[in-house]
């Protein structure tokens, strides 16, 4: 059993896939980034993490990417910024806040439509 908290933001950003057709052209998605932090127990304040600090960093991610081409965050090892790649990048950005707040596991899901998502999760402590 564990406790969890989370937050979400939406961001409109551009990307292209290495394929023929519309997905191969630069196009926009209205992404939703969902973040969940879990821990076996709460801290002395009764919290999993400082949710305000987590939300602030997630909003910084939102501001950084709003209206931009996601190629700006594409790692050299990836052909494109898929939702999986996007989720791992967001995880790396948010992990220090979670670690500073006491650790646990950080899960990030990036939705490119109401139903389709990719995710990344790992312990941060």
PDB file of N, CA and C in Angstrom:
ATOM      1  N   UNK A   1       0.833  -1.175   0.000  1.00  0.00           N
ATOM      2  CA  UNK A   1       0.000   0.000   0.000  1.00  0.00           C
ATOM      3  C   UNK A   1       0.878   1.239   0.000  1.00  0.00           C
ATOM      4  N   UNK A   2       0.357   2.285  -0.609  1.00  0.00           N
ATOM      5  CA  UNK A   2       1.110   3.537  -0.624  1.00  0.00           C
ATOM      6  C   UNK A   2       0.154   4.714  -0.779  1.00  0.00           C
ATOM      7  N   UNK A   3       0.678   5.897  -0.483  1.00  0.00           N
ATOM      8  CA  UNK A   3      -0.047   7.146  -0.660  1.00  0.00           C
ATOM      9  C   UNK A   3       0.352   7.740  -1.997  1.00  0.00           C
ATOM     10  N   UNK A   4      -0.517   8.584  -2.559  1.00  0.00           N
ATOM     11  CA  UNK A   4      -0.169   9.238  -3.801  1.00  0.00           C
ATOM     12  C   UNK A   4      -0.807  10.614  -3.889  1.00  0.00           C
ATOM     13  N   UNK A   5      -0.149  11.489  -4.637  1.00  0.00           N
ATOM     14  CA  UNK A   5      -0.690  12.792  -5.000  1.00  0.00           C
ATOM     15  C   UNK A   5      -0.331  13.031  -6.454  1.00  0.00           C
ATOM     16  N   UNK A   6      -1.048  13.946  -7.078  1.00  0.00           N
ATOM     17  CA  UNK A   6      -0.757  14.226  -8.471  1.00  0.00           C
ATOM     18  C   UNK A   6      -1.276  15.570  -8.910  1.00  0.00           C
ATOM     19  N   UNK A   7      -0.876  15.926 -10.109  1.00  0.00           N
ATOM     20  CA  UNK A   7      -1.310  17.169 -10.727  1.00  0.00           C
ATOM     21  C   UNK A   7      -1.215  17.007 -12.240  1.00  0.00           C
ATOM     22  N   UNK A   8      -1.837  17.919 -12.969  1.00  0.00           N
ATOM     23  CA  UNK A   8      -1.864  17.852 -14.433  1.00  0.00           C
ATOM     24  C   UNK A   8      -1.813  19.250 -15.024  1.00  0.00           C
ATOM     25  N   UNK A   9      -1.302  19.319 -16.247  1.00  0.00           N
ATOM     26  CA  UNK A   9      -1.385  20.536 -17.047  1.00  0.00           C
ATOM     27  C   UNK A   9      -1.641  20.127 -18.492  1.00  0.00           C
ATOM     28  N   UNK A  10      -2.111  21.074 -19.263  1.00  0.00           N
ATOM     29  CA  UNK A  10      -2.260  20.892 -20.706  1.00  0.00           C
ATOM     30  C   UNK A  10      -1.296  21.823 -21.410  1.00  0.00           C
ATOM     31  N   UNK A  11      -0.793  21.373 -22.536  1.00  0.00           N
ATOM     32  CA  UNK A  11       0.128  22.189 -23.324  1.00  0.00           C
ATOM     33  C   UNK A  11      -0.079  21.877 -24.803  1.00  0.00           C
ATOM     34  N   UNK A  12      -0.115  22.910 -25.607  1.00  0.00           N
ATOM     35  CA  UNK A  12      -0.203  22.732 -27.056  1.00  0.00           C
ATOM     36  C   UNK A  12       1.209  22.875 -27.606  1.00  0.00           C
ATOM     37  N   UNK A  13       1.689  21.809 -28.242  1.00  0.00           N
ATOM     38  CA  UNK A  13       3.048  21.804 -28.775  1.00  0.00           C
ATOM     39  C   UNK A  13       3.051  21.095 -30.121  1.00  0.00           C
ATOM     40  N   UNK A  14       4.135  21.261 -30.845  1.00  0.00           N
ATOM     41  CA  UNK A  14       4.266  20.720 -32.201  1.00  0.00           C
ATOM     42  C   UNK A  14       5.269  19.578 -32.222  1.00  0.00           C
ATOM     43  N   UNK A  15       5.025  18.639 -33.120  1.00  0.00           N
ATOM     44  CA  UNK A  15       6.016  17.589 -33.356  1.00  0.00           C
ATOM     45  C   UNK A  15       5.794  16.989 -34.736  1.00  0.00           C
ATOM     46  N   UNK A  16       6.720  16.161 -35.120  1.00  0.00           N
ATOM     47  CA  UNK A  16       6.614  15.421 -36.377  1.00  0.00           C
ATOM     48  C   UNK A  16       7.174  14.030 -36.141  1.00  0.00           C
ATOM     49  N   UNK A  17       6.621  13.074 -36.836  1.00  0.00           N
ATOM     50  CA  UNK A  17       7.094  11.698 -36.734  1.00  0.00           C
ATOM     51  C   UNK A  17       7.875  11.356 -37.997  1.00  0.00           C
ATOM     52  N   UNK A  18       8.808  10.427 -37.922  1.00  0.00           N
ATOM     53  CA  UNK A  18       9.603  10.058 -39.105  1.00  0.00           C
ATOM     54  C   UNK A  18       8.843   9.083 -40.009  1.00  0.00           C
ATOM     55  N   UNK A  19       7.689   9.523 -40.508  1.00  0.00           N
ATOM     56  CA  UNK A  19       6.839   8.709 -41.376  1.00  0.00           C
ATOM     57  C   UNK A  19       6.293   9.582 -42.500  1.00  0.00           C
ATOM     58  N   UNK A  20       5.754   8.948 -43.525  1.00  0.00           N
ATOM     59  CA  UNK A  20       5.093   9.668 -44.613  1.00  0.00           C
ATOM     60  C   UNK A  20       3.688  10.056 -44.163  1.00  0.00           C
ATOM     61  N   UNK A  21       3.153  11.088 -44.757  1.00  0.00           N
ATOM     62  CA  UNK A  21       1.781  11.485 -44.469  1.00  0.00           C
ATOM     63  C   UNK A  21       1.699  12.589 -43.437  1.00  0.00           C
ATOM     64  N   UNK A  22       0.480  12.849 -42.954  1.00  0.00           N
ATOM     65  CA  UNK A  22       0.255  13.978 -42.040  1.00  0.00           C
ATOM     66  C   UNK A  22       1.095  13.928 -40.758  1.00  0.00           C
ATOM     67  N   UNK A  23       1.315  12.740 -40.219  1.00  0.00           N
ATOM     68  CA  UNK A  23       2.118  12.636 -38.996  1.00  0.00           C
ATOM     69  C   UNK A  23       3.584  12.988 -39.247  1.00  0.00           C
ATOM     70  N   UNK A  24       4.022  12.916 -40.514  1.00  0.00           N
ATOM     71  CA  UNK A  24       5.387  13.272 -40.870  1.00  0.00           C
ATOM     72  C   UNK A  24       5.591  14.766 -41.033  1.00  0.00           C
ATOM     73  N   UNK A  25       4.511  15.511 -41.083  1.00  0.00           N
ATOM     74  CA  UNK A  25       4.572  16.973 -41.174  1.00  0.00           C
ATOM     75  C   UNK A  25       4.507  17.558 -39.772  1.00  0.00           C
ATOM     76  N   UNK A  26       5.062  18.742 -39.606  1.00  0.00           N
ATOM     77  CA  UNK A  26       4.981  19.421 -38.321  1.00  0.00           C
ATOM     78  C   UNK A  26       3.512  19.710 -38.021  1.00  0.00           C
ATOM     79  N   UNK A  27       3.031  19.232 -36.885  1.00  0.00           N
ATOM     80  CA  UNK A  27       1.630  19.406 -36.520  1.00  0.00           C
ATOM     81  C   UNK A  27       1.507  19.529 -35.007  1.00  0.00           C
ATOM     82  N   UNK A  28       0.385  20.059 -34.581  1.00  0.00           N
ATOM     83  CA  UNK A  28       0.177  20.325 -33.159  1.00  0.00           C
ATOM     84  C   UNK A  28      -0.654  19.229 -32.502  1.00  0.00           C
ATOM     85  N   UNK A  29      -0.411  19.062 -31.216  1.00  0.00           N
ATOM     86  CA  UNK A  29      -1.250  18.239 -30.351  1.00  0.00           C
ATOM     87  C   UNK A  29      -1.552  19.058 -29.104  1.00  0.00           C
ATOM     88  N   UNK A  30      -2.714  18.840 -28.558  1.00  0.00           N
ATOM     89  CA  UNK A  30      -3.050  19.380 -27.251  1.00  0.00           C
ATOM     90  C   UNK A  30      -2.739  18.274 -26.255  1.00  0.00           C
ATOM     91  N   UNK A  31      -1.538  18.315 -25.727  1.00  0.00           N
ATOM     92  CA  UNK A  31      -1.067  17.291 -24.795  1.00  0.00           C
ATOM     93  C   UNK A  31      -1.590  17.572 -23.385  1.00  0.00           C
ATOM     94  N   UNK A  32      -1.793  16.501 -22.641  1.00  0.00           N
ATOM     95  CA  UNK A  32      -2.060  16.612 -21.209  1.00  0.00           C
ATOM     96  C   UNK A  32      -0.963  15.832 -20.501  1.00  0.00           C
ATOM     97  N   UNK A  33      -0.323  16.467 -19.542  1.00  0.00           N
ATOM     98  CA  UNK A  33       0.733  15.821 -18.765  1.00  0.00           C
ATOM     99  C   UNK A  33       0.180  15.553 -17.372  1.00  0.00           C
ATOM    100  N   UNK A  34       0.085  14.283 -17.023  1.00  0.00           N
ATOM    101  CA  UNK A  34      -0.362  13.869 -15.693  1.00  0.00           C
ATOM    102  C   UNK A  34       0.848  13.373 -14.913  1.00  0.00           C
ATOM    103  N   UNK A  35       0.960  13.832 -13.666  1.00  0.00           N
ATOM    104  CA  UNK A  35       2.082  13.475 -12.810  1.00  0.00           C
ATOM    105  C   UNK A  35       1.529  12.894 -11.515  1.00  0.00           C
ATOM    106  N   UNK A  36       2.058  11.744 -11.106  1.00  0.00           N
ATOM    107  CA  UNK A  36       1.655  11.112  -9.851  1.00  0.00           C
ATOM    108  C   UNK A  36       2.918  10.728  -9.082  1.00  0.00           C
ATOM    109  N   UNK A  37       2.932  11.082  -7.799  1.00  0.00           N
ATOM    110  CA  UNK A  37       4.035  10.704  -6.911  1.00  0.00           C
ATOM    111  C   UNK A  37       3.466   9.776  -5.851  1.00  0.00           C
ATOM    112  N   UNK A  38       4.142   8.650  -5.626  1.00  0.00           N
ATOM    113  CA  UNK A  38       3.712   7.704  -4.595  1.00  0.00           C
ATOM    114  C   UNK A  38       4.835   7.529  -3.575  1.00  0.00           C
ATOM    115  N   UNK A  39       4.404   7.188  -2.373  1.00  0.00           N
ATOM    116  CA  UNK A  39       5.325   6.914  -1.265  1.00  0.00           C
ATOM    117  C   UNK A  39       4.651   5.958  -0.309  1.00  0.00           C
ATOM    118  N   UNK A  40       5.441   5.138   0.348  1.00  0.00           N
ATOM    119  CA  UNK A  40       4.886   4.177   1.297  1.00  0.00           C
ATOM    120  C   UNK A  40       4.192   4.856   2.464  1.00  0.00           C
ATOM    121  N   UNK A  41       4.705   6.002   2.881  1.00  0.00           N
ATOM    122  CA  UNK A  41       4.134   6.703   4.020  1.00  0.00           C
ATOM    123  C   UNK A  41       4.237   8.203   3.785  1.00  0.00           C
ATOM    124  N   UNK A  42       3.440   8.967   4.479  1.00  0.00           N
ATOM    125  CA  UNK A  42       3.519  10.423   4.376  1.00  0.00           C
ATOM    126  C   UNK A  42       4.620  10.948   5.291  1.00  0.00           C
ATOM    127  N   UNK A  43       5.044  12.174   5.047  1.00  0.00           N
ATOM    128  CA  UNK A  43       6.079  12.774   5.886  1.00  0.00           C
ATOM    129  C   UNK A  43       5.468  13.328   7.175  1.00  0.00           C
ATOM    130  N   UNK A  44       6.268  14.016   7.964  1.00  0.00           N
ATOM    131  CA  UNK A  44       5.809  14.545   9.256  1.00  0.00           C
ATOM    132  C   UNK A  44       4.672  15.553   9.113  1.00  0.00           C
ATOM    133  N   UNK A  45       4.566  16.180   7.925  1.00  0.00           N
ATOM    134  CA  UNK A  45       3.485  17.144   7.685  1.00  0.00           C
ATOM    135  C   UNK A  45       2.211  16.461   7.180  1.00  0.00           C
ATOM    136  N   UNK A  46       2.297  15.139   6.947  1.00  0.00           N
ATOM    137  CA  UNK A  46       1.153  14.398   6.428  1.00  0.00           C
ATOM    138  C   UNK A  46       1.056  14.431   4.910  1.00  0.00           C
ATOM    139  N   UNK A  47       2.182  14.704   4.238  1.00  0.00           N
ATOM    140  CA  UNK A  47       2.179  14.845   2.779  1.00  0.00           C
ATOM    141  C   UNK A  47       3.107  13.830   2.118  1.00  0.00           C
ATOM    142  N   UNK A  48       2.782  13.489   0.881  1.00  0.00           N
ATOM    143  CA  UNK A  48       3.668  12.661   0.056  1.00  0.00           C
ATOM    144  C   UNK A  48       4.823  13.528  -0.443  1.00  0.00           C
ATOM    145  N   UNK A  49       4.486  14.660  -1.044  1.00  0.00           N
ATOM    146  CA  UNK A  49       5.448  15.678  -1.486  1.00  0.00           C
ATOM    147  C   UNK A  49       4.782  17.039  -1.321  1.00  0.00           C
ATOM    148  N   UNK A  50       5.565  18.073  -1.471  1.00  0.00           N
ATOM    149  CA  UNK A  50       5.025  19.426  -1.488  1.00  0.00           C
ATOM    150  C   UNK A  50       4.335  19.610  -2.839  1.00  0.00           C
ATOM    151  N   UNK A  51       3.024  19.493  -2.845  1.00  0.00           N
ATOM    152  CA  UNK A  51       2.265  19.551  -4.093  1.00  0.00           C
ATOM    153  C   UNK A  51       2.392  20.910  -4.771  1.00  0.00           C
ATOM    154  N   UNK A  52       2.531  21.972  -4.001  1.00  0.00           N
ATOM    155  CA  UNK A  52       2.720  23.301  -4.594  1.00  0.00           C
ATOM    156  C   UNK A  52       4.027  23.365  -5.374  1.00  0.00           C
ATOM    157  N   UNK A  53       5.096  22.808  -4.817  1.00  0.00           N
ATOM    158  CA  UNK A  53       6.392  22.812  -5.508  1.00  0.00           C
ATOM    159  C   UNK A  53       6.328  21.962  -6.768  1.00  0.00           C
ATOM    160  N   UNK A  54       5.683  20.804  -6.699  1.00  0.00           N
ATOM    161  CA  UNK A  54       5.533  19.947  -7.869  1.00  0.00           C
ATOM    162  C   UNK A  54       4.728  20.654  -8.948  1.00  0.00           C
ATOM    163  N   UNK A  55       3.632  21.284  -8.554  1.00  0.00           N
ATOM    164  CA  UNK A  55       2.781  21.996  -9.508  1.00  0.00           C
ATOM    165  C   UNK A  55       3.529  23.173 -10.136  1.00  0.00           C
ATOM    166  N   UNK A  56       4.321  23.881  -9.357  1.00  0.00           N
ATOM    167  CA  UNK A  56       5.101  25.002  -9.883  1.00  0.00           C
ATOM    168  C   UNK A  56       6.077  24.542 -10.959  1.00  0.00           C
ATOM    169  N   UNK A  57       6.773  23.438 -10.703  1.00  0.00           N
ATOM    170  CA  UNK A  57       7.730  22.926 -11.693  1.00  0.00           C
ATOM    171  C   UNK A  57       7.008  22.407 -12.930  1.00  0.00           C
ATOM    172  N   UNK A  58       5.863  21.761 -12.760  1.00  0.00           N
ATOM    173  CA  UNK A  58       5.102  21.280 -13.912  1.00  0.00           C
ATOM    174  C   UNK A  58       4.609  22.458 -14.749  1.00  0.00           C
ATOM    175  N   UNK A  59       4.209  23.532 -14.118  1.00  0.00           N
ATOM    176  CA  UNK A  59       3.790  24.743 -14.857  1.00  0.00           C
ATOM    177  C   UNK A  59       4.973  25.385 -15.586  1.00  0.00           C
ATOM    178  N   UNK A  60       6.170  25.274 -15.029  1.00  0.00           N
ATOM    179  CA  UNK A  60       7.363  25.763 -15.729  1.00  0.00           C
ATOM    180  C   UNK A  60       7.606  24.944 -16.998  1.00  0.00           C
ATOM    181  N   UNK A  61       7.390  23.637 -16.923  1.00  0.00           N
ATOM    182  CA  UNK A  61       7.481  22.770 -18.103  1.00  0.00           C
ATOM    183  C   UNK A  61       6.447  23.220 -19.138  1.00  0.00           C
ATOM    184  N   UNK A  62       5.237  23.456 -18.696  1.00  0.00           N
ATOM    185  CA  UNK A  62       4.159  23.906 -19.583  1.00  0.00           C
ATOM    186  C   UNK A  62       4.557  25.206 -20.299  1.00  0.00           C
ATOM    187  N   UNK A  63       5.046  26.168 -19.551  1.00  0.00           N
ATOM    188  CA  UNK A  63       5.436  27.454 -20.134  1.00  0.00           C
ATOM    189  C   UNK A  63       6.585  27.295 -21.125  1.00  0.00           C
ATOM    190  N   UNK A  64       7.528  26.423 -20.813  1.00  0.00           N
ATOM    191  CA  UNK A  64       8.682  26.204 -21.686  1.00  0.00           C
ATOM    192  C   UNK A  64       8.270  25.626 -23.038  1.00  0.00           C
ATOM    193  N   UNK A  65       7.247  24.781 -23.046  1.00  0.00           N
ATOM    194  CA  UNK A  65       6.887  24.058 -24.266  1.00  0.00           C
ATOM    195  C   UNK A  65       5.698  24.625 -25.021  1.00  0.00           C
ATOM    196  N   UNK A  66       4.913  25.473 -24.407  1.00  0.00           N
ATOM    197  CA  UNK A  66       3.690  25.978 -25.047  1.00  0.00           C
ATOM    198  C   UNK A  66       4.000  26.594 -26.422  1.00  0.00           C
ATOM    199  N   UNK A  67       3.365  26.019 -27.469  1.00  0.00           N
ATOM    200  CA  UNK A  67       3.503  26.517 -28.830  1.00  0.00           C
ATOM    201  C   UNK A  67       4.819  26.209 -29.514  1.00  0.00           C
ATOM    202  N   UNK A  68       5.684  25.441 -28.860  1.00  0.00           N
ATOM    203  CA  UNK A  68       7.016  25.167 -29.418  1.00  0.00           C
ATOM    204  C   UNK A  68       7.082  23.813 -30.104  1.00  0.00           C
ATOM    205  N   UNK A  69       8.074  23.677 -30.957  1.00  0.00           N
ATOM    206  CA  UNK A  69       8.391  22.414 -31.615  1.00  0.00           C
ATOM    207  C   UNK A  69       9.120  21.535 -30.602  1.00  0.00           C
ATOM    208  N   UNK A  70       8.608  20.344 -30.356  1.00  0.00           N
ATOM    209  CA  UNK A  70       9.207  19.446 -29.366  1.00  0.00           C
ATOM    210  C   UNK A  70      10.575  18.913 -29.783  1.00  0.00           C
ATOM    211  N   UNK A  71      11.000  19.199 -31.005  1.00  0.00           N
ATOM    212  CA  UNK A  71      12.358  18.830 -31.393  1.00  0.00           C
ATOM    213  C   UNK A  71      13.383  19.467 -30.445  1.00  0.00           C
ATOM    214  N   UNK A  72      13.004  20.556 -29.799  1.00  0.00           N
ATOM    215  CA  UNK A  72      13.889  21.224 -28.844  1.00  0.00           C
ATOM    216  C   UNK A  72      14.246  20.329 -27.664  1.00  0.00           C
ATOM    217  N   UNK A  73      13.433  19.327 -27.365  1.00  0.00           N
ATOM    218  CA  UNK A  73      13.715  18.423 -26.238  1.00  0.00           C
ATOM    219  C   UNK A  73      14.072  17.011 -26.704  1.00  0.00           C
ATOM    220  N   UNK A  74      14.197  16.825 -28.011  1.00  0.00           N
ATOM    221  CA  UNK A  74      14.473  15.483 -28.554  1.00  0.00           C
ATOM    222  C   UNK A  74      15.902  15.064 -28.230  1.00  0.00           C
ATOM    223  N   UNK A  75      16.051  13.915 -27.562  1.00  0.00           N
ATOM    224  CA  UNK A  75      17.404  13.411 -27.307  1.00  0.00           C
ATOM    225  C   UNK A  75      18.025  12.898 -28.608  1.00  0.00           C
ATOM    226  N   UNK A  76      19.330  12.922 -28.679  1.00  0.00           N
ATOM    227  CA  UNK A  76      20.029  12.475 -29.887  1.00  0.00           C
ATOM    228  C   UNK A  76      19.713  11.030 -30.232  1.00  0.00           C
ATOM    229  N   UNK A  77      19.355  10.234 -29.253  1.00  0.00           N
ATOM    230  CA  UNK A  77      19.088   8.816 -29.477  1.00  0.00           C
ATOM    231  C   UNK A  77      17.693   8.538 -30.044  1.00  0.00           C
ATOM    232  N   UNK A  78      16.847   9.553 -30.162  1.00  0.00           N
ATOM    233  CA  UNK A  78      15.472   9.352 -30.623  1.00  0.00           C
ATOM    234  C   UNK A  78      15.263  10.006 -31.989  1.00  0.00           C
ATOM    235  N   UNK A  79      14.486   9.331 -32.833  1.00  0.00           N
ATOM    236  CA  UNK A  79      14.161   9.900 -34.143  1.00  0.00           C
ATOM    237  C   UNK A  79      13.120  11.001 -34.045  1.00  0.00           C
ATOM    238  N   UNK A  80      12.300  10.944 -33.007  1.00  0.00           N
ATOM    239  CA  UNK A  80      11.216  11.906 -32.848  1.00  0.00           C
ATOM    240  C   UNK A  80      10.836  11.975 -31.374  1.00  0.00           C
ATOM    241  N   UNK A  81      10.079  13.001 -31.033  1.00  0.00           N
ATOM    242  CA  UNK A  81       9.553  13.104 -29.673  1.00  0.00           C
ATOM    243  C   UNK A  81       8.178  12.443 -29.665  1.00  0.00           C
ATOM    244  N   UNK A  82       8.182  11.182 -29.289  1.00  0.00           N
ATOM    245  CA  UNK A  82       6.946  10.433 -29.102  1.00  0.00           C
ATOM    246  C   UNK A  82       6.404  10.764 -27.710  1.00  0.00           C
ATOM    247  N   UNK A  83       5.221  10.289 -27.386  1.00  0.00           N
ATOM    248  CA  UNK A  83       4.700  10.531 -26.043  1.00  0.00           C
ATOM    249  C   UNK A  83       5.574   9.850 -24.984  1.00  0.00           C
ATOM    250  N   UNK A  84       6.198   8.731 -25.338  1.00  0.00           N
ATOM    251  CA  UNK A  84       7.092   8.056 -24.400  1.00  0.00           C
ATOM    252  C   UNK A  84       8.343   8.896 -24.129  1.00  0.00           C
ATOM    253  N   UNK A  85       8.926   9.432 -25.190  1.00  0.00           N
ATOM    254  CA  UNK A  85      10.111  10.291 -25.056  1.00  0.00           C
ATOM    255  C   UNK A  85       9.757  11.553 -24.283  1.00  0.00           C
ATOM    256  N   UNK A  86       8.617  12.138 -24.587  1.00  0.00           N
ATOM    257  CA  UNK A  86       8.135  13.335 -23.901  1.00  0.00           C
ATOM    258  C   UNK A  86       7.969  13.044 -22.405  1.00  0.00           C
ATOM    259  N   UNK A  87       7.377  11.905 -22.073  1.00  0.00           N
ATOM    260  CA  UNK A  87       7.150  11.544 -20.673  1.00  0.00           C
ATOM    261  C   UNK A  87       8.471  11.384 -19.925  1.00  0.00           C
ATOM    262  N   UNK A  88       9.454  10.765 -20.561  1.00  0.00           N
ATOM    263  CA  UNK A  88      10.743  10.591 -19.880  1.00  0.00           C
ATOM    264  C   UNK A  88      11.415  11.945 -19.658  1.00  0.00           C
ATOM    265  N   UNK A  89      11.345  12.833 -20.646  1.00  0.00           N
ATOM    266  CA  UNK A  89      11.919  14.165 -20.499  1.00  0.00           C
ATOM    267  C   UNK A  89      11.260  14.905 -19.328  1.00  0.00           C
ATOM    268  N   UNK A  90       9.931  14.857 -19.268  1.00  0.00           N
ATOM    269  CA  UNK A  90       9.210  15.524 -18.177  1.00  0.00           C
ATOM    270  C   UNK A  90       9.590  14.910 -16.831  1.00  0.00           C
ATOM    271  N   UNK A  91       9.734  13.590 -16.792  1.00  0.00           N
ATOM    272  CA  UNK A  91      10.156  12.897 -15.564  1.00  0.00           C
ATOM    273  C   UNK A  91      11.497  13.446 -15.091  1.00  0.00           C
ATOM    274  N   UNK A  92      12.441  13.576 -15.997  1.00  0.00           N
ATOM    275  CA  UNK A  92      13.769  14.075 -15.638  1.00  0.00           C
ATOM    276  C   UNK A  92      13.701  15.505 -15.114  1.00  0.00           C
ATOM    277  N   UNK A  93      12.803  16.314 -15.658  1.00  0.00           N
ATOM    278  CA  UNK A  93      12.637  17.694 -15.188  1.00  0.00           C
ATOM    279  C   UNK A  93      12.015  17.752 -13.801  1.00  0.00           C
ATOM    280  N   UNK A  94      11.087  16.852 -13.510  1.00  0.00           N
ATOM    281  CA  UNK A  94      10.341  16.891 -12.257  1.00  0.00           C
ATOM    282  C   UNK A  94      11.002  16.108 -11.122  1.00  0.00           C
ATOM    283  N   UNK A  95      11.859  15.170 -11.444  1.00  0.00           N
ATOM    284  CA  UNK A  95      12.470  14.302 -10.439  1.00  0.00           C
ATOM    285  C   UNK A  95      13.188  15.065  -9.326  1.00  0.00           C
ATOM    286  N   UNK A  96      13.938  16.133  -9.609  1.00  0.00           N
ATOM    287  CA  UNK A  96      14.613  16.837  -8.502  1.00  0.00           C
ATOM    288  C   UNK A  96      13.641  17.394  -7.452  1.00  0.00           C
ATOM    289  N   UNK A  97      12.489  17.886  -7.880  1.00  0.00           N
ATOM    290  CA  UNK A  97      11.496  18.405  -6.923  1.00  0.00           C
ATOM    291  C   UNK A  97      10.977  17.266  -6.050  1.00  0.00           C
ATOM    292  N   UNK A  98      10.705  16.141  -6.652  1.00  0.00           N
ATOM    293  CA  UNK A  98      10.195  14.989  -5.908  1.00  0.00           C
ATOM    294  C   UNK A  98      11.272  14.470  -4.957  1.00  0.00           C
ATOM    295  N   UNK A  99      12.494  14.381  -5.444  1.00  0.00           N
ATOM    296  CA  UNK A  99      13.610  13.908  -4.608  1.00  0.00           C
ATOM    297  C   UNK A  99      13.801  14.826  -3.408  1.00  0.00           C
ATOM    298  N   UNK A 100      13.762  16.135  -3.633  1.00  0.00           N
ATOM    299  CA  UNK A 100      13.940  17.114  -2.557  1.00  0.00           C
ATOM    300  C   UNK A 100      12.811  17.029  -1.521  1.00  0.00           C
ATOM    301  N   UNK A 101      11.634  16.617  -1.977  1.00  0.00           N
ATOM    302  CA  UNK A 101      10.473  16.522  -1.084  1.00  0.00           C
ATOM    303  C   UNK A 101      10.363  15.171  -0.395  1.00  0.00           C
ATOM    304  N   UNK A 102      11.356  14.313  -0.548  1.00  0.00           N
ATOM    305  CA  UNK A 102      11.329  13.058   0.184  1.00  0.00           C
ATOM    306  C   UNK A 102      11.296  11.813  -0.661  1.00  0.00           C
ATOM    307  N   UNK A 103      11.336  11.968  -1.971  1.00  0.00           N
ATOM    308  CA  UNK A 103      11.468  10.798  -2.820  1.00  0.00           C
ATOM    309  C   UNK A 103      10.180  10.054  -3.064  1.00  0.00           C
ATOM    310  N   UNK A 104      10.334   8.797  -3.368  1.00  0.00           N
ATOM    311  CA  UNK A 104       9.207   7.978  -3.767  1.00  0.00           C
ATOM    312  C   UNK A 104       9.318   7.633  -5.230  1.00  0.00           C
ATOM    313  N   UNK A 105       8.198   7.273  -5.822  1.00  0.00           N
ATOM    314  CA  UNK A 105       8.155   6.963  -7.247  1.00  0.00           C
ATOM    315  C   UNK A 105       7.412   8.071  -7.969  1.00  0.00           C
ATOM    316  N   UNK A 106       7.946   8.478  -9.103  1.00  0.00           N
ATOM    317  CA  UNK A 106       7.332   9.499  -9.945  1.00  0.00           C
ATOM    318  C   UNK A 106       6.854   8.833 -11.225  1.00  0.00           C
ATOM    319  N   UNK A 107       5.563   9.029 -11.526  1.00  0.00           N
ATOM    320  CA  UNK A 107       4.983   8.519 -12.767  1.00  0.00           C
ATOM    321  C   UNK A 107       4.501   9.699 -13.592  1.00  0.00           C
ATOM    322  N   UNK A 108       4.856   9.683 -14.866  1.00  0.00           N
ATOM    323  CA  UNK A 108       4.422  10.733 -15.785  1.00  0.00           C
ATOM    324  C   UNK A 108       3.725  10.071 -16.965  1.00  0.00           C
ATOM    325  N   UNK A 109       2.547  10.573 -17.286  1.00  0.00           N
ATOM    326  CA  UNK A 109       1.841  10.153 -18.493  1.00  0.00           C
ATOM    327  C   UNK A 109       1.604  11.387 -19.351  1.00  0.00           C
ATOM    328  N   UNK A 110       1.866  11.241 -20.641  1.00  0.00           N
ATOM    329  CA  UNK A 110       1.618  12.312 -21.592  1.00  0.00           C
ATOM    330  C   UNK A 110       0.570  11.809 -22.576  1.00  0.00           C
ATOM    331  N   UNK A 111      -0.572  12.492 -22.587  1.00  0.00           N
ATOM    332  CA  UNK A 111      -1.673  12.150 -23.482  1.00  0.00           C
ATOM    333  C   UNK A 111      -1.603  13.033 -24.714  1.00  0.00           C
ATOM    334  N   UNK A 112      -1.695  12.418 -25.911  1.00  0.00           N
ATOM    335  CA  UNK A 112      -1.762  13.207 -27.141  1.00  0.00           C
ATOM    336  C   UNK A 112      -3.185  13.282 -27.669  1.00  0.00           C
ATOM    337  N   UNK A 113      -4.081  12.565 -27.022  1.00  0.00           N
ATOM    338  CA  UNK A 113      -5.513  12.619 -27.311  1.00  0.00           C
ATOM    339  C   UNK A 113      -6.222  12.237 -26.010  1.00  0.00           C
ATOM    340  N   UNK A 114      -7.534  12.317 -25.958  1.00  0.00           N
ATOM    341  CA  UNK A 114      -8.208  11.936 -24.710  1.00  0.00           C
ATOM    342  C   UNK A 114      -7.931  10.501 -24.264  1.00  0.00           C
ATOM    343  N   UNK A 115      -7.570   9.612 -25.203  1.00  0.00           N
ATOM    344  CA  UNK A 115      -7.387   8.208 -24.840  1.00  0.00           C
ATOM    345  C   UNK A 115      -5.960   7.691 -25.002  1.00  0.00           C
ATOM    346  N   UNK A 116      -5.155   8.296 -25.865  1.00  0.00           N
ATOM    347  CA  UNK A 116      -3.831   7.760 -26.199  1.00  0.00           C
ATOM    348  C   UNK A 116      -2.739   8.454 -25.397  1.00  0.00           C
ATOM    349  N   UNK A 117      -1.895   7.642 -24.739  1.00  0.00           N
ATOM    350  CA  UNK A 117      -0.821   8.213 -23.914  1.00  0.00           C
ATOM    351  C   UNK A 117       0.413   7.331 -23.950  1.00  0.00           C
ATOM    352  N   UNK A 118       1.511   7.929 -23.507  1.00  0.00           N
ATOM    353  CA  UNK A 118       2.734   7.207 -23.230  1.00  0.00           C
ATOM    354  C   UNK A 118       3.192   7.634 -21.848  1.00  0.00           C
ATOM    355  N   UNK A 119       3.998   6.813 -21.219  1.00  0.00           N
ATOM    356  CA  UNK A 119       4.396   7.153 -19.862  1.00  0.00           C
ATOM    357  C   UNK A 119       5.785   6.694 -19.522  1.00  0.00           C
ATOM    358  N   UNK A 120       6.244   7.183 -18.370  1.00  0.00           N
ATOM    359  CA  UNK A 120       7.537   6.791 -17.825  1.00  0.00           C
ATOM    360  C   UNK A 120       7.429   6.895 -16.304  1.00  0.00           C
ATOM    361  N   UNK A 121       7.986   5.907 -15.605  1.00  0.00           N
ATOM    362  CA  UNK A 121       7.983   5.937 -14.146  1.00  0.00           C
ATOM    363  C   UNK A 121       9.251   5.303 -13.617  1.00  0.00           C
ATOM    364  N   UNK A 122       9.697   5.835 -12.481  1.00  0.00           N
ATOM    365  CA  UNK A 122      10.811   5.240 -11.750  1.00  0.00           C
ATOM    366  C   UNK A 122      10.926   5.883 -10.395  1.00  0.00           C
ATOM    367  N   UNK A 123      11.648   5.217  -9.530  1.00  0.00           N
ATOM    368  CA  UNK A 123      11.913   5.775  -8.202  1.00  0.00           C
ATOM    369  C   UNK A 123      12.862   6.949  -8.354  1.00  0.00           C
ATOM    370  N   UNK A 124      12.706   7.936  -7.476  1.00  0.00           N
ATOM    371  CA  UNK A 124      13.575   9.109  -7.540  1.00  0.00           C
ATOM    372  C   UNK A 124      14.452   9.245  -6.297  1.00  0.00           C
ATOM    373  N   UNK A 125      14.264   8.384  -5.322  1.00  0.00           N
ATOM    374  CA  UNK A 125      15.063   8.493  -4.094  1.00  0.00           C
ATOM    375  C   UNK A 125      16.337   7.694  -4.194  1.00  0.00           C
TER     376      UNK A 125
END
